[in-house]
Amino acid sequence: MGLHSSHSGLNGCNSVTDNLSGVIAFVNTAQALSFVGAARVMGISASAVGKNVAKLEASLNVRLLHRSTRKVALTAEGQLFYERCRKILDDLQDARAMLSHAMQAPRGKLRVSLPTIGYRFLFPHLPAFRKAYPEIELELDFNDHLVDVIEEGFDVVIRSGGLADSTLMARRLGPFRFVLCASPDYLRDNGRPETLADLERHPCLRYRFATTGKIMEWTLTANPAMTQLHLPAALTLNNMEAMLKAAMDGHGIAYMPDFLAREALAHGQLETVLDGHCDDQGQFWALWPSSRHLSPKIRVFVDFVAEHLFTAPLTGNPPATR
């Protein structure tokens, strides 16, 4: 605008942003051509309006208004400055209105991270969520790694296990349980285990955690003596989908979440064994960045998954007897 040299232009911009109240007072005065009229719009005194405009002029080192006892008029520089500032304030008002609307209606992109097998418990309910909130654009990331919610820009993360990051908000999503299962062909050829000790004579499919490298323990009973149970490891896998396929193909007995086995059980591709000894439960959580103002898209998604996920009982289990 020719108010400063190119070297000092950035300082001039900083002065304007630091004196937003002066910009608002100036625009209202320019529109009313009166300090009194501007004061009426802003709800402050005419002298306060005049002081704010004077401070703005001092920061810009230019006169924006001609003042007389009867009226106020724009200088040539003031006219140029007014046109630009009026547009900026109009854009700011539009932005505030848009943000206010966004805070009322759930919309926009929602980035969610889930475990690799998370699609199995989410996808059955996804059509209902999309129908209820058509303006939310879901971006789903499936992996078994520990993600940094804030650093990687996720809105919500669904993970099982303990809560390590106290800076995140959390909501419990209902428990799931583990089941022991094997294919009908495997059980026909190798027999069905009737006691925990029988497992020592069966090839077992073990899961290795991708994040820690540790083998998942089979929590089968409250009896401490069972910690000495030797489980022959036929296969060790670090992917639950591979575990499911290996069990369905008859490679041995697997220990897996009920939601992973549900479809195969319902279609007779797997059968559960030793049901009375599987007392272990897992727990999923929804985690999101801590904020006083929870956006509607996060709020409705967390409410939805808390209401719908892990609520249906396991079905399709054949009796665990010969």
C-alpha atoms as a PDB file:
ATOM      1  CA  MET A   1       0.000   0.000   0.000  1.00  0.00           C
ATOM      2  CA  GLY A   2       3.001   2.277  -0.060  1.00  0.00           C
ATOM      3  CA  LEU A   3       2.848   2.870   3.695  1.00  0.00           C
ATOM      4  CA  HIS A   4       6.324   1.512   4.411  1.00  0.00           C
ATOM      5  CA  SER A   5       9.425   0.576   2.531  1.00  0.00           C
ATOM      6  CA  SER A   6       9.725  -3.030   1.364  1.00  0.00           C
ATOM      7  CA  HIS A   7      12.179  -3.659   4.209  1.00  0.00           C
ATOM      8  CA  SER A   8       9.707  -2.602   6.888  1.00  0.00           C
ATOM      9  CA  GLY A   9       6.496  -3.953   5.303  1.00  0.00           C
ATOM     10  CA  LEU A  10       6.490  -7.058   7.499  1.00  0.00           C
ATOM     11  CA  ASN A  11       6.692  -4.917  10.616  1.00  0.00           C
ATOM     12  CA  GLY A  12       3.716  -2.917   9.351  1.00  0.00           C
ATOM     13  CA  CYS A  13       1.671  -6.105   8.904  1.00  0.00           C
ATOM     14  CA  ASN A  14       2.549  -7.207  12.422  1.00  0.00           C
ATOM     15  CA  SER A  15       1.430  -3.824  13.764  1.00  0.00           C
ATOM     16  CA  VAL A  16      -1.929  -4.163  12.026  1.00  0.00           C
ATOM     17  CA  THR A  17      -2.556  -7.671  13.350  1.00  0.00           C
ATOM     18  CA  ASP A  18      -1.547  -6.531  16.822  1.00  0.00           C
ATOM     19  CA  ASN A  19      -4.108  -3.724  16.593  1.00  0.00           C
ATOM     20  CA  LEU A  20      -7.157  -5.579  15.275  1.00  0.00           C
ATOM     21  CA  SER A  21      -9.430  -3.504  17.484  1.00  0.00           C
ATOM     22  CA  GLY A  22      -8.086  -0.411  15.694  1.00  0.00           C
ATOM     23  CA  VAL A  23      -8.831  -1.949  12.286  1.00  0.00           C
ATOM     24  CA  ILE A  24     -12.399  -2.751  13.362  1.00  0.00           C
ATOM     25  CA  ALA A  25     -12.862   0.761  14.756  1.00  0.00           C
ATOM     26  CA  PHE A  26     -11.500   2.284  11.554  1.00  0.00           C
ATOM     27  CA  VAL A  27     -13.748   0.219   9.253  1.00  0.00           C
ATOM     28  CA  ASN A  28     -16.849   1.027  11.291  1.00  0.00           C
ATOM     29  CA  THR A  29     -15.912   4.721  11.325  1.00  0.00           C
ATOM     30  CA  ALA A  30     -15.305   4.718   7.572  1.00  0.00           C
ATOM     31  CA  GLN A  31     -18.700   3.104   6.979  1.00  0.00           C
ATOM     32  CA  ALA A  32     -20.555   5.519   9.270  1.00  0.00           C
ATOM     33  CA  LEU A  33     -18.286   8.524   8.523  1.00  0.00           C
ATOM     34  CA  SER A  34     -18.700   9.229  12.220  1.00  0.00           C
ATOM     35  CA  PHE A  35     -17.008   8.229  15.455  1.00  0.00           C
ATOM     36  CA  VAL A  36     -20.391   8.370  17.166  1.00  0.00           C
ATOM     37  CA  GLY A  37     -21.950   6.059  14.565  1.00  0.00           C
ATOM     38  CA  ALA A  38     -19.069   3.599  14.874  1.00  0.00           C
ATOM     39  CA  ALA A  39     -19.359   3.720  18.662  1.00  0.00           C
ATOM     40  CA  ARG A  40     -23.047   2.862  18.429  1.00  0.00           C
ATOM     41  CA  VAL A  41     -22.281  -0.216  16.287  1.00  0.00           C
ATOM     42  CA  MET A  42     -19.390  -1.384  18.461  1.00  0.00           C
ATOM     43  CA  GLY A  43     -21.037  -0.668  21.807  1.00  0.00           C
ATOM     44  CA  ILE A  44     -18.205   1.511  23.129  1.00  0.00           C
ATOM     45  CA  SER A  45     -17.708   5.247  23.569  1.00  0.00           C
ATOM     46  CA  ALA A  46     -16.912   7.584  20.679  1.00  0.00           C
ATOM     47  CA  SER A  47     -13.689   8.621  22.411  1.00  0.00           C
ATOM     48  CA  ALA A  48     -12.603   4.971  22.616  1.00  0.00           C
ATOM     49  CA  VAL A  49     -13.236   4.584  18.895  1.00  0.00           C
ATOM     50  CA  GLY A  50     -11.168   7.691  18.179  1.00  0.00           C
ATOM     51  CA  LYS A  51      -8.305   6.468  20.343  1.00  0.00           C
ATOM     52  CA  ASN A  52      -8.261   3.074  18.611  1.00  0.00           C
ATOM     53  CA  VAL A  53      -8.158   4.691  15.176  1.00  0.00           C
ATOM     54  CA  ALA A  54      -5.425   7.103  16.272  1.00  0.00           C
ATOM     55  CA  LYS A  55      -3.350   4.209  17.598  1.00  0.00           C
ATOM     56  CA  LEU A  56      -3.780   2.399  14.282  1.00  0.00           C
ATOM     57  CA  GLU A  57      -2.673   5.465  12.327  1.00  0.00           C
ATOM     58  CA  ALA A  58       0.375   5.826  14.571  1.00  0.00           C
ATOM     59  CA  SER A  59       1.345   2.175  14.028  1.00  0.00           C
ATOM     60  CA  LEU A  60       0.986   2.587  10.263  1.00  0.00           C
ATOM     61  CA  ASN A  61       2.584   6.044  10.247  1.00  0.00           C
ATOM     62  CA  VAL A  62      -0.122   7.396   7.937  1.00  0.00           C
ATOM     63  CA  ARG A  63      -3.304   9.454   8.291  1.00  0.00           C
ATOM     64  CA  LEU A  64      -6.389   7.452   7.373  1.00  0.00           C
ATOM     65  CA  LEU A  65      -9.106   9.998   8.244  1.00  0.00           C
ATOM     66  CA  HIS A  66      -9.674  13.721   7.840  1.00  0.00           C
ATOM     67  CA  ARG A  67     -11.301  14.990  11.035  1.00  0.00           C
ATOM     68  CA  SER A  68     -13.339  18.145  11.551  1.00  0.00           C
ATOM     69  CA  THR A  69     -15.786  19.299  14.181  1.00  0.00           C
ATOM     70  CA  ARG A  70     -18.701  18.196  12.025  1.00  0.00           C
ATOM     71  CA  LYS A  71     -17.631  15.174   9.999  1.00  0.00           C
ATOM     72  CA  VAL A  72     -15.046  12.489   9.256  1.00  0.00           C
ATOM     73  CA  ALA A  73     -13.753  11.703   5.761  1.00  0.00           C
ATOM     74  CA  LEU A  74     -11.336   9.172   4.331  1.00  0.00           C
ATOM     75  CA  THR A  75      -7.945  10.216   3.035  1.00  0.00           C
ATOM     76  CA  ALA A  76      -6.730   8.691  -0.232  1.00  0.00           C
ATOM     77  CA  GLU A  77      -4.610   6.237   1.753  1.00  0.00           C
ATOM     78  CA  GLY A  78      -7.552   5.622   4.067  1.00  0.00           C
ATOM     79  CA  GLN A  79      -9.802   4.747   1.118  1.00  0.00           C
ATOM     80  CA  LEU A  80      -7.308   2.125  -0.126  1.00  0.00           C
ATOM     81  CA  PHE A  81      -6.824   0.738   3.357  1.00  0.00           C
ATOM     82  CA  TYR A  82     -10.571   0.669   4.030  1.00  0.00           C
ATOM     83  CA  GLU A  83     -11.360  -1.395   0.919  1.00  0.00           C
ATOM     84  CA  ARG A  84      -8.780  -4.020   1.832  1.00  0.00           C
ATOM     85  CA  CYS A  85      -9.680  -4.119   5.531  1.00  0.00           C
ATOM     86  CA  ARG A  86     -13.402  -4.347   4.833  1.00  0.00           C
ATOM     87  CA  LYS A  87     -12.795  -7.429   2.670  1.00  0.00           C
ATOM     88  CA  ILE A  88     -10.574  -8.986   5.329  1.00  0.00           C
ATOM     89  CA  LEU A  89     -13.163  -8.427   8.054  1.00  0.00           C
ATOM     90  CA  ASP A  90     -15.934  -9.763   5.814  1.00  0.00           C
ATOM     91  CA  ASP A  91     -13.833 -12.886   5.159  1.00  0.00           C
ATOM     92  CA  LEU A  92     -13.199 -13.217   8.881  1.00  0.00           C
ATOM     93  CA  GLN A  93     -16.918 -13.015   9.580  1.00  0.00           C
ATOM     94  CA  ASP A  94     -17.605 -15.635   6.919  1.00  0.00           C
ATOM     95  CA  ALA A  95     -14.925 -17.872   8.454  1.00  0.00           C
ATOM     96  CA  ARG A  96     -16.476 -17.518  11.889  1.00  0.00           C
ATOM     97  CA  ALA A  97     -19.908 -18.350  10.521  1.00  0.00           C
ATOM     98  CA  MET A  98     -18.524 -21.369   8.665  1.00  0.00           C
ATOM     99  CA  LEU A  99     -16.731 -22.580  11.803  1.00  0.00           C
ATOM    100  CA  SER A 100     -19.867 -22.104  13.878  1.00  0.00           C
ATOM    101  CA  HIS A 101     -21.820 -24.177  11.361  1.00  0.00           C
ATOM    102  CA  ALA A 102     -19.117 -26.840  11.314  1.00  0.00           C
ATOM    103  CA  MET A 103     -19.274 -27.064  15.099  1.00  0.00           C
ATOM    104  CA  GLN A 104     -22.983 -27.792  14.879  1.00  0.00           C
ATOM    105  CA  ALA A 105     -23.063 -30.365  12.062  1.00  0.00           C
ATOM    106  CA  PRO A 106     -20.625 -33.313  11.856  1.00  0.00           C
ATOM    107  CA  ARG A 107     -18.766 -32.985   8.571  1.00  0.00           C
ATOM    108  CA  GLY A 108     -15.332 -33.112   6.997  1.00  0.00           C
ATOM    109  CA  LYS A 109     -12.487 -35.637   6.861  1.00  0.00           C
ATOM    110  CA  LEU A 110     -12.068 -37.940   9.855  1.00  0.00           C
ATOM    111  CA  ARG A 111      -8.791 -39.880  10.062  1.00  0.00           C
ATOM    112  CA  VAL A 112      -9.114 -43.076  12.104  1.00  0.00           C
ATOM    113  CA  SER A 113      -6.399 -45.643  12.875  1.00  0.00           C
ATOM    114  CA  LEU A 114      -7.378 -49.227  13.743  1.00  0.00           C
ATOM    115  CA  PRO A 115      -5.634 -52.590  14.141  1.00  0.00           C
ATOM    116  CA  THR A 116      -5.147 -54.614  10.970  1.00  0.00           C
ATOM    117  CA  ILE A 117      -8.134 -56.807  11.852  1.00  0.00           C
ATOM    118  CA  GLY A 118     -10.215 -53.783  12.836  1.00  0.00           C
ATOM    119  CA  TYR A 119     -12.223 -53.914   9.639  1.00  0.00           C
ATOM    120  CA  ARG A 120     -13.877 -57.088  10.940  1.00  0.00           C
ATOM    121  CA  PHE A 121     -15.582 -55.302  13.824  1.00  0.00           C
ATOM    122  CA  LEU A 122     -16.045 -51.926  12.101  1.00  0.00           C
ATOM    123  CA  PHE A 123     -17.254 -52.768   8.589  1.00  0.00           C
ATOM    124  CA  PRO A 124     -20.533 -54.478   9.622  1.00  0.00           C
ATOM    125  CA  HIS A 125     -21.620 -51.158  11.182  1.00  0.00           C
ATOM    126  CA  LEU A 126     -20.084 -48.797   8.634  1.00  0.00           C
ATOM    127  CA  PRO A 127     -23.178 -48.489   6.379  1.00  0.00           C
ATOM    128  CA  ALA A 128     -25.290 -47.304   9.319  1.00  0.00           C
ATOM    129  CA  PHE A 129     -22.670 -44.698  10.283  1.00  0.00           C
ATOM    130  CA  ARG A 130     -22.324 -43.375   6.741  1.00  0.00           C
ATOM    131  CA  LYS A 131     -26.086 -43.164   6.376  1.00  0.00           C
ATOM    132  CA  ALA A 132     -26.402 -41.236   9.637  1.00  0.00           C
ATOM    133  CA  TYR A 133     -23.485 -38.865   8.890  1.00  0.00           C
ATOM    134  CA  PRO A 134     -23.131 -38.563   5.097  1.00  0.00           C
ATOM    135  CA  GLU A 135     -21.004 -35.402   5.341  1.00  0.00           C
ATOM    136  CA  ILE A 136     -18.205 -37.137   7.252  1.00  0.00           C
ATOM    137  CA  GLU A 137     -15.425 -38.426   4.987  1.00  0.00           C
ATOM    138  CA  LEU A 138     -13.745 -41.375   6.692  1.00  0.00           C
ATOM    139  CA  GLU A 139     -10.074 -42.071   6.070  1.00  0.00           C
ATOM    140  CA  LEU A 140      -9.204 -45.419   7.676  1.00  0.00           C
ATOM    141  CA  ASP A 141      -5.682 -46.603   8.462  1.00  0.00           C
ATOM    142  CA  PHE A 142      -5.247 -50.289   9.377  1.00  0.00           C
ATOM    143  CA  ASN A 143      -1.978 -51.299  11.051  1.00  0.00           C
ATOM    144  CA  ASP A 144      -0.721 -52.990  14.196  1.00  0.00           C
ATOM    145  CA  HIS A 145       1.957 -50.440  15.051  1.00  0.00           C
ATOM    146  CA  LEU A 146       1.796 -47.981  17.921  1.00  0.00           C
ATOM    147  CA  VAL A 147       0.871 -44.723  16.221  1.00  0.00           C
ATOM    148  CA  ASP A 148       1.436 -41.212  17.537  1.00  0.00           C
ATOM    149  CA  VAL A 149      -2.087 -39.805  17.425  1.00  0.00           C
ATOM    150  CA  ILE A 150      -1.058 -36.148  17.374  1.00  0.00           C
ATOM    151  CA  GLU A 151       2.216 -36.401  15.434  1.00  0.00           C
ATOM    152  CA  GLU A 152       0.637 -38.512  12.664  1.00  0.00           C
ATOM    153  CA  GLY A 153      -2.488 -36.373  12.486  1.00  0.00           C
ATOM    154  CA  PHE A 154      -5.137 -38.906  13.485  1.00  0.00           C
ATOM    155  CA  ASP A 155      -8.482 -37.741  14.826  1.00  0.00           C
ATOM    156  CA  VAL A 156      -9.325 -41.047  16.541  1.00  0.00           C
ATOM    157  CA  VAL A 157      -7.349 -44.224  17.234  1.00  0.00           C
ATOM    158  CA  ILE A 158      -8.907 -47.555  18.228  1.00  0.00           C
ATOM    159  CA  ARG A 159      -6.519 -49.844  20.079  1.00  0.00           C
ATOM    160  CA  SER A 160      -6.655 -52.676  22.611  1.00  0.00           C
ATOM    161  CA  GLY A 161      -4.692 -53.139  25.798  1.00  0.00           C
ATOM    162  CA  GLY A 162      -3.611 -50.669  28.455  1.00  0.00           C
ATOM    163  CA  LEU A 163      -3.600 -46.901  28.168  1.00  0.00           C
ATOM    164  CA  ALA A 164      -0.073 -45.531  28.031  1.00  0.00           C
ATOM    165  CA  ASP A 165      -0.558 -41.944  26.822  1.00  0.00           C
ATOM    166  CA  SER A 166      -2.212 -39.839  29.518  1.00  0.00           C
ATOM    167  CA  THR A 167      -2.393 -36.820  27.180  1.00  0.00           C
ATOM    168  CA  LEU A 168      -5.173 -38.488  25.179  1.00  0.00           C
ATOM    169  CA  MET A 169      -8.864 -38.671  25.916  1.00  0.00           C
ATOM    170  CA  ALA A 170     -10.209 -42.229  26.060  1.00  0.00           C
ATOM    171  CA  ARG A 171     -13.501 -44.082  25.999  1.00  0.00           C
ATOM    172  CA  ARG A 172     -14.040 -47.770  26.657  1.00  0.00           C
ATOM    173  CA  LEU A 173     -15.569 -49.651  23.715  1.00  0.00           C
ATOM    174  CA  GLY A 174     -16.894 -52.762  25.364  1.00  0.00           C
ATOM    175  CA  PRO A 175     -14.941 -55.987  25.862  1.00  0.00           C
ATOM    176  CA  PHE A 176     -14.320 -58.916  23.581  1.00  0.00           C
ATOM    177  CA  ARG A 177     -13.251 -62.424  24.578  1.00  0.00           C
ATOM    178  CA  PHE A 178     -10.847 -65.000  23.244  1.00  0.00           C
ATOM    179  CA  VAL A 179     -11.806 -68.430  21.940  1.00  0.00           C
ATOM    180  CA  LEU A 180      -9.938 -71.635  21.199  1.00  0.00           C
ATOM    181  CA  CYS A 181     -10.916 -73.022  17.827  1.00  0.00           C
ATOM    182  CA  ALA A 182      -9.927 -75.405  15.057  1.00  0.00           C
ATOM    183  CA  SER A 183     -11.340 -76.588  11.751  1.00  0.00           C
ATOM    184  CA  PRO A 184     -13.901 -79.450  11.688  1.00  0.00           C
ATOM    185  CA  ASP A 185     -11.519 -81.507   9.528  1.00  0.00           C
ATOM    186  CA  TYR A 186      -8.692 -81.051  12.029  1.00  0.00           C
ATOM    187  CA  LEU A 187     -10.917 -82.095  14.944  1.00  0.00           C
ATOM    188  CA  ARG A 188     -12.202 -85.102  13.019  1.00  0.00           C
ATOM    189  CA  ASP A 189      -8.685 -86.290  12.235  1.00  0.00           C
ATOM    190  CA  ASN A 190      -7.005 -85.416  15.544  1.00  0.00           C
ATOM    191  CA  GLY A 191      -9.790 -85.539  18.091  1.00  0.00           C
ATOM    192  CA  ARG A 192     -11.312 -82.787  20.203  1.00  0.00           C
ATOM    193  CA  PRO A 193      -9.424 -81.798  23.383  1.00  0.00           C
ATOM    194  CA  GLU A 194     -11.585 -82.376  26.457  1.00  0.00           C
ATOM    195  CA  THR A 195      -9.176 -81.031  29.094  1.00  0.00           C
ATOM    196  CA  LEU A 196      -6.456 -78.397  29.130  1.00  0.00           C
ATOM    197  CA  ALA A 197      -3.862 -81.121  29.431  1.00  0.00           C
ATOM    198  CA  ASP A 198      -5.064 -82.509  26.094  1.00  0.00           C
ATOM    199  CA  LEU A 199      -3.681 -79.358  24.406  1.00  0.00           C
ATOM    200  CA  GLU A 200      -0.162 -80.700  24.968  1.00  0.00           C
ATOM    201  CA  ARG A 201      -0.895 -83.337  22.351  1.00  0.00           C
ATOM    202  CA  HIS A 202      -2.149 -80.869  19.716  1.00  0.00           C
ATOM    203  CA  PRO A 203      -0.199 -78.538  17.426  1.00  0.00           C
ATOM    204  CA  CYS A 204      -0.928 -74.970  18.531  1.00  0.00           C
ATOM    205  CA  LEU A 205      -0.926 -71.797  16.469  1.00  0.00           C
ATOM    206  CA  ARG A 206       0.806 -69.021  18.425  1.00  0.00           C
ATOM    207  CA  TYR A 207       0.650 -65.283  17.839  1.00  0.00           C
ATOM    208  CA  ARG A 208       3.701 -63.032  18.105  1.00  0.00           C
ATOM    209  CA  PHE A 209       3.016 -59.328  18.761  1.00  0.00           C
ATOM    210  CA  ALA A 210       4.415 -57.234  15.920  1.00  0.00           C
ATOM    211  CA  THR A 211       5.170 -54.307  18.238  1.00  0.00           C
ATOM    212  CA  THR A 212       6.987 -56.156  21.039  1.00  0.00           C
ATOM    213  CA  GLY A 213       8.001 -59.501  19.518  1.00  0.00           C
ATOM    214  CA  LYS A 214       6.486 -61.346  22.487  1.00  0.00           C
ATOM    215  CA  ILE A 215       4.364 -64.490  22.132  1.00  0.00           C
ATOM    216  CA  MET A 216       0.751 -64.038  23.249  1.00  0.00           C
ATOM    217  CA  GLU A 217      -0.055 -66.065  26.337  1.00  0.00           C
ATOM    218  CA  TRP A 218      -3.151 -68.261  26.335  1.00  0.00           C
ATOM    219  CA  THR A 219      -5.154 -67.309  29.410  1.00  0.00           C
ATOM    220  CA  LEU A 220      -7.221 -70.422  29.859  1.00  0.00           C
ATOM    221  CA  THR A 221      -7.921 -70.800  33.556  1.00  0.00           C
ATOM    222  CA  ALA A 222      -7.473 -69.139  36.924  1.00  0.00           C
ATOM    223  CA  ASN A 223      -5.560 -72.199  38.126  1.00  0.00           C
ATOM    224  CA  PRO A 224      -1.875 -71.179  38.549  1.00  0.00           C
ATOM    225  CA  ALA A 225      -0.793 -74.760  37.828  1.00  0.00           C
ATOM    226  CA  MET A 226      -1.857 -74.282  34.237  1.00  0.00           C
ATOM    227  CA  THR A 227       1.002 -71.837  33.718  1.00  0.00           C
ATOM    228  CA  GLN A 228       3.184 -74.958  33.398  1.00  0.00           C
ATOM    229  CA  LEU A 229       1.157 -76.189  30.414  1.00  0.00           C
ATOM    230  CA  HIS A 230       3.405 -76.933  27.434  1.00  0.00           C
ATOM    231  CA  LEU A 231       1.787 -75.869  24.166  1.00  0.00           C
ATOM    232  CA  PRO A 232       3.502 -77.344  21.097  1.00  0.00           C
ATOM    233  CA  ALA A 233       3.924 -74.489  18.614  1.00  0.00           C
ATOM    234  CA  ALA A 234       3.078 -75.778  15.154  1.00  0.00           C
ATOM    235  CA  LEU A 235       3.184 -72.290  13.681  1.00  0.00           C
ATOM    236  CA  THR A 236       4.056 -68.844  15.050  1.00  0.00           C
ATOM    237  CA  LEU A 237       2.547 -65.887  13.189  1.00  0.00           C
ATOM    238  CA  ASN A 238       2.555 -62.119  13.667  1.00  0.00           C
ATOM    239  CA  ASN A 239      -0.666 -61.515  11.749  1.00  0.00           C
ATOM    240  CA  MET A 240      -4.111 -62.474  13.056  1.00  0.00           C
ATOM    241  CA  GLU A 241      -5.579 -62.865   9.573  1.00  0.00           C
ATOM    242  CA  ALA A 242      -2.873 -65.453   8.840  1.00  0.00           C
ATOM    243  CA  MET A 243      -3.728 -67.100  12.172  1.00  0.00           C
ATOM    244  CA  LEU A 244      -7.370 -67.366  11.117  1.00  0.00           C
ATOM    245  CA  LYS A 245      -6.483 -68.856   7.730  1.00  0.00           C
ATOM    246  CA  ALA A 246      -4.062 -71.345   9.270  1.00  0.00           C
ATOM    247  CA  ALA A 247      -6.764 -72.529  11.685  1.00  0.00           C
ATOM    248  CA  MET A 248      -9.338 -72.847   8.903  1.00  0.00           C
ATOM    249  CA  ASP A 249      -6.854 -74.844   6.832  1.00  0.00           C
ATOM    250  CA  GLY A 250      -6.433 -77.366   9.638  1.00  0.00           C
ATOM    251  CA  HIS A 251      -2.918 -76.569  10.862  1.00  0.00           C
ATOM    252  CA  GLY A 252      -3.863 -76.796  14.531  1.00  0.00           C
ATOM    253  CA  ILE A 253      -5.691 -75.140  17.406  1.00  0.00           C
ATOM    254  CA  ALA A 254      -5.707 -71.334  17.524  1.00  0.00           C
ATOM    255  CA  TYR A 255      -6.408 -68.774  20.259  1.00  0.00           C
ATOM    256  CA  MET A 256      -7.990 -65.664  18.814  1.00  0.00           C
ATOM    257  CA  PRO A 257     -10.511 -62.849  19.453  1.00  0.00           C
ATOM    258  CA  ASP A 258     -14.138 -63.891  19.090  1.00  0.00           C
ATOM    259  CA  PHE A 259     -14.889 -61.171  16.537  1.00  0.00           C
ATOM    260  CA  LEU A 260     -12.139 -62.558  14.307  1.00  0.00           C
ATOM    261  CA  ALA A 261     -13.529 -66.087  14.452  1.00  0.00           C
ATOM    262  CA  ARG A 262     -17.223 -65.111  14.291  1.00  0.00           C
ATOM    263  CA  GLU A 263     -17.788 -65.463  10.530  1.00  0.00           C
ATOM    264  CA  ALA A 264     -15.856 -68.728  10.218  1.00  0.00           C
ATOM    265  CA  LEU A 265     -17.777 -70.164  13.173  1.00  0.00           C
ATOM    266  CA  ALA A 266     -21.098 -69.102  11.679  1.00  0.00           C
ATOM    267  CA  HIS A 267     -20.224 -70.837   8.387  1.00  0.00           C
ATOM    268  CA  GLY A 268     -18.947 -74.026  10.011  1.00  0.00           C
ATOM    269  CA  GLN A 269     -15.344 -73.416   8.956  1.00  0.00           C
ATOM    270  CA  LEU A 270     -14.200 -73.380  12.584  1.00  0.00           C
ATOM    271  CA  GLU A 271     -15.458 -74.925  15.815  1.00  0.00           C
ATOM    272  CA  THR A 272     -14.678 -73.799  19.348  1.00  0.00           C
ATOM    273  CA  VAL A 273     -13.117 -76.135  21.913  1.00  0.00           C
ATOM    274  CA  LEU A 274     -12.726 -75.996  25.708  1.00  0.00           C
ATOM    275  CA  ASP A 275     -15.229 -73.143  25.932  1.00  0.00           C
ATOM    276  CA  GLY A 276     -15.479 -73.354  29.701  1.00  0.00           C
ATOM    277  CA  HIS A 277     -11.754 -72.681  30.053  1.00  0.00           C
ATOM    278  CA  CYS A 278     -11.544 -69.475  27.970  1.00  0.00           C
ATOM    279  CA  ASP A 279     -12.062 -66.749  30.544  1.00  0.00           C
ATOM    280  CA  ASP A 280      -9.771 -64.088  29.095  1.00  0.00           C
ATOM    281  CA  GLN A 281     -11.259 -60.800  27.914  1.00  0.00           C
ATOM    282  CA  GLY A 282      -9.685 -58.069  25.844  1.00  0.00           C
ATOM    283  CA  GLN A 283     -10.566 -54.410  25.830  1.00  0.00           C
ATOM    284  CA  PHE A 284     -10.621 -51.874  23.014  1.00  0.00           C
ATOM    285  CA  TRP A 285     -10.497 -48.133  23.551  1.00  0.00           C
ATOM    286  CA  ALA A 286     -11.203 -45.098  21.406  1.00  0.00           C
ATOM    287  CA  LEU A 287      -8.459 -42.485  21.875  1.00  0.00           C
ATOM    288  CA  TRP A 288      -8.336 -38.917  20.596  1.00  0.00           C
ATOM    289  CA  PRO A 289      -6.333 -35.735  21.262  1.00  0.00           C
ATOM    290  CA  SER A 290      -7.327 -33.896  24.403  1.00  0.00           C
ATOM    291  CA  SER A 291      -9.287 -30.734  23.674  1.00  0.00           C
ATOM    292  CA  ARG A 292     -11.815 -28.603  25.467  1.00  0.00           C
ATOM    293  CA  HIS A 293     -13.781 -28.289  22.240  1.00  0.00           C
ATOM    294  CA  LEU A 294     -14.536 -31.756  20.919  1.00  0.00           C
ATOM    295  CA  SER A 295     -15.412 -31.469  17.243  1.00  0.00           C
ATOM    296  CA  PRO A 296     -18.794 -32.909  16.238  1.00  0.00           C
ATOM    297  CA  LYS A 297     -17.266 -35.424  13.806  1.00  0.00           C
ATOM    298  CA  ILE A 298     -15.100 -36.952  16.540  1.00  0.00           C
ATOM    299  CA  ARG A 299     -17.922 -36.873  19.074  1.00  0.00           C
ATOM    300  CA  VAL A 300     -20.455 -38.685  16.869  1.00  0.00           C
ATOM    301  CA  PHE A 301     -17.902 -41.274  15.706  1.00  0.00           C
ATOM    302  CA  VAL A 302     -16.815 -42.127  19.254  1.00  0.00           C
ATOM    303  CA  ASP A 303     -20.450 -42.271  20.408  1.00  0.00           C
ATOM    304  CA  PHE A 304     -21.334 -44.529  17.488  1.00  0.00           C
ATOM    305  CA  VAL A 305     -18.523 -47.067  17.928  1.00  0.00           C
ATOM    306  CA  ALA A 306     -19.074 -47.160  21.690  1.00  0.00           C
ATOM    307  CA  GLU A 307     -22.736 -48.001  21.106  1.00  0.00           C
ATOM    308  CA  HIS A 308     -22.351 -50.525  18.277  1.00  0.00           C
ATOM    309  CA  LEU A 309     -18.972 -52.278  18.496  1.00  0.00           C
ATOM    310  CA  PHE A 310     -18.430 -55.406  20.612  1.00  0.00           C
ATOM    311  CA  THR A 311     -22.056 -55.644  21.692  1.00  0.00           C
ATOM    312  CA  ALA A 312     -23.274 -58.722  19.745  1.00  0.00           C
ATOM    313  CA  PRO A 313     -22.777 -62.092  21.446  1.00  0.00           C
ATOM    314  CA  LEU A 314     -20.746 -64.748  19.669  1.00  0.00           C
ATOM    315  CA  THR A 315     -23.021 -66.950  17.579  1.00  0.00           C
ATOM    316  CA  GLY A 316     -22.642 -70.002  15.411  1.00  0.00           C
ATOM    317  CA  ASN A 317     -20.641 -71.991  17.961  1.00  0.00           C
ATOM    318  CA  PRO A 318     -21.254 -75.726  17.716  1.00  0.00           C
ATOM    319  CA  PRO A 319     -21.305 -77.558  21.038  1.00  0.00           C
ATOM    320  CA  ALA A 320     -17.879 -78.394  22.399  1.00  0.00           C
ATOM    321  CA  THR A 321     -18.582 -82.121  22.742  1.00  0.00           C
ATOM    322  CA  ARG A 322     -17.931 -85.126  20.569  1.00  0.00           C
END
